Amino acid sequence: MKSKFTLGFIAGATAALTIVVAGLTTVKLAIINPIERREDWIEENRKKANRKRISR
C-alpha cells in the first residue's frame, strides 16, 4: 500500500511541476518575448534616425 502512495505522489508532483513549467514557458513566449522584440525594434529605429539626422 505504501509503494502505491509513493508512486502516486511522485507522479502527481511530476505532473504538477510539468504544468507549471509549461505555463511559464507559454507566458514567456506569448507576452515577454514580443515586448523584448518591440523594445529592440524601437532602439534600432532610434539608432537609424540618429544616423540620418547626423548625415544630413
C-alpha atoms as a PDB file:
ATOM      1  CA  MET A   1       0.000   0.000   0.000  1.00  0.00           C
ATOM      2  CA  LYS A   2       2.826   2.356   0.835  1.00  0.00           C
ATOM      3  CA  SER A   3       4.527   1.955  -2.511  1.00  0.00           C
ATOM      4  CA  LYS A   4       1.338   2.826  -4.405  1.00  0.00           C
ATOM      5  CA  PHE A   5       1.041   6.023  -2.393  1.00  0.00           C
ATOM      6  CA  THR A   6       4.670   6.909  -3.053  1.00  0.00           C
ATOM      7  CA  LEU A   7       4.367   6.254  -6.778  1.00  0.00           C
ATOM      8  CA  GLY A   8       1.138   8.253  -6.946  1.00  0.00           C
ATOM      9  CA  PHE A   9       2.674  11.133  -5.041  1.00  0.00           C
ATOM     10  CA  ILE A  10       5.731  11.211  -7.297  1.00  0.00           C
ATOM     11  CA  ALA A  11       3.572  11.025 -10.427  1.00  0.00           C
ATOM     12  CA  GLY A  12       1.300  13.810  -9.175  1.00  0.00           C
ATOM     13  CA  ALA A  13       4.214  16.041  -8.206  1.00  0.00           C
ATOM     14  CA  THR A  14       5.839  15.476 -11.589  1.00  0.00           C
ATOM     15  CA  ALA A  15       2.603  16.285 -13.411  1.00  0.00           C
ATOM     16  CA  ALA A  16       2.094  19.445 -11.373  1.00  0.00           C
ATOM     17  CA  LEU A  17       5.657  20.575 -11.999  1.00  0.00           C
ATOM     18  CA  THR A  18       5.252  19.915 -15.723  1.00  0.00           C
ATOM     19  CA  ILE A  19       2.090  22.011 -15.830  1.00  0.00           C
ATOM     20  CA  VAL A  20       3.791  24.911 -14.033  1.00  0.00           C
ATOM     21  CA  VAL A  21       6.801  24.822 -16.382  1.00  0.00           C
ATOM     22  CA  ALA A  22       4.529  24.695 -19.428  1.00  0.00           C
ATOM     23  CA  GLY A  23       2.558  27.670 -18.140  1.00  0.00           C
ATOM     24  CA  LEU A  24       5.671  29.728 -17.514  1.00  0.00           C
ATOM     25  CA  THR A  25       7.038  28.884 -20.941  1.00  0.00           C
ATOM     26  CA  THR A  26       3.766  29.906 -22.561  1.00  0.00           C
ATOM     27  CA  VAL A  27       3.759  33.239 -20.728  1.00  0.00           C
ATOM     28  CA  LYS A  28       7.341  33.908 -21.762  1.00  0.00           C
ATOM     29  CA  LEU A  29       6.666  33.117 -25.411  1.00  0.00           C
ATOM     30  CA  ALA A  30       3.330  34.937 -25.617  1.00  0.00           C
ATOM     31  CA  ILE A  31       3.988  38.029 -23.509  1.00  0.00           C
ATOM     32  CA  ILE A  32       7.626  38.629 -22.605  1.00  0.00           C
ATOM     33  CA  ASN A  33       9.357  37.872 -25.921  1.00  0.00           C
ATOM     34  CA  PRO A  34       7.113  40.177 -28.025  1.00  0.00           C
ATOM     35  CA  ILE A  35       7.751  43.026 -25.578  1.00  0.00           C
ATOM     36  CA  GLU A  36      11.512  42.494 -25.822  1.00  0.00           C
ATOM     37  CA  ARG A  37      11.345  42.328 -29.629  1.00  0.00           C
ATOM     38  CA  ARG A  38       9.354  45.581 -29.690  1.00  0.00           C
ATOM     39  CA  GLU A  39      11.933  47.295 -27.453  1.00  0.00           C
ATOM     40  CA  ASP A  40      14.758  46.087 -29.713  1.00  0.00           C
ATOM     41  CA  TRP A  41      12.886  47.358 -32.779  1.00  0.00           C
ATOM     42  CA  ILE A  42      12.359  50.769 -31.171  1.00  0.00           C
ATOM     43  CA  GLU A  43      16.039  51.015 -30.229  1.00  0.00           C
ATOM     44  CA  GLU A  44      17.094  50.028 -33.754  1.00  0.00           C
ATOM     45  CA  ASN A  45      14.855  52.694 -35.286  1.00  0.00           C
ATOM     46  CA  ARG A  46      16.198  55.263 -32.855  1.00  0.00           C
ATOM     47  CA  LYS A  47      19.750  54.462 -33.986  1.00  0.00           C
ATOM     48  CA  LYS A  48      18.727  54.727 -37.653  1.00  0.00           C
ATOM     49  CA  ALA A  49      17.072  58.088 -37.027  1.00  0.00           C
ATOM     50  CA  ASN A  50      20.180  59.408 -35.308  1.00  0.00           C
ATOM     51  CA  ARG A  51      22.371  58.327 -38.225  1.00  0.00           C
ATOM     52  CA  LYS A  52      20.032  60.020 -40.705  1.00  0.00           C
ATOM     53  CA  ARG A  53      19.954  63.181 -38.615  1.00  0.00           C
ATOM     54  CA  ILE A  54      23.749  63.353 -38.473  1.00  0.00           C
ATOM     55  CA  SER A  55      24.277  62.586 -42.185  1.00  0.00           C
ATOM     56  CA  ARG A  56      22.142  65.495 -43.356  1.00  0.00           C
END
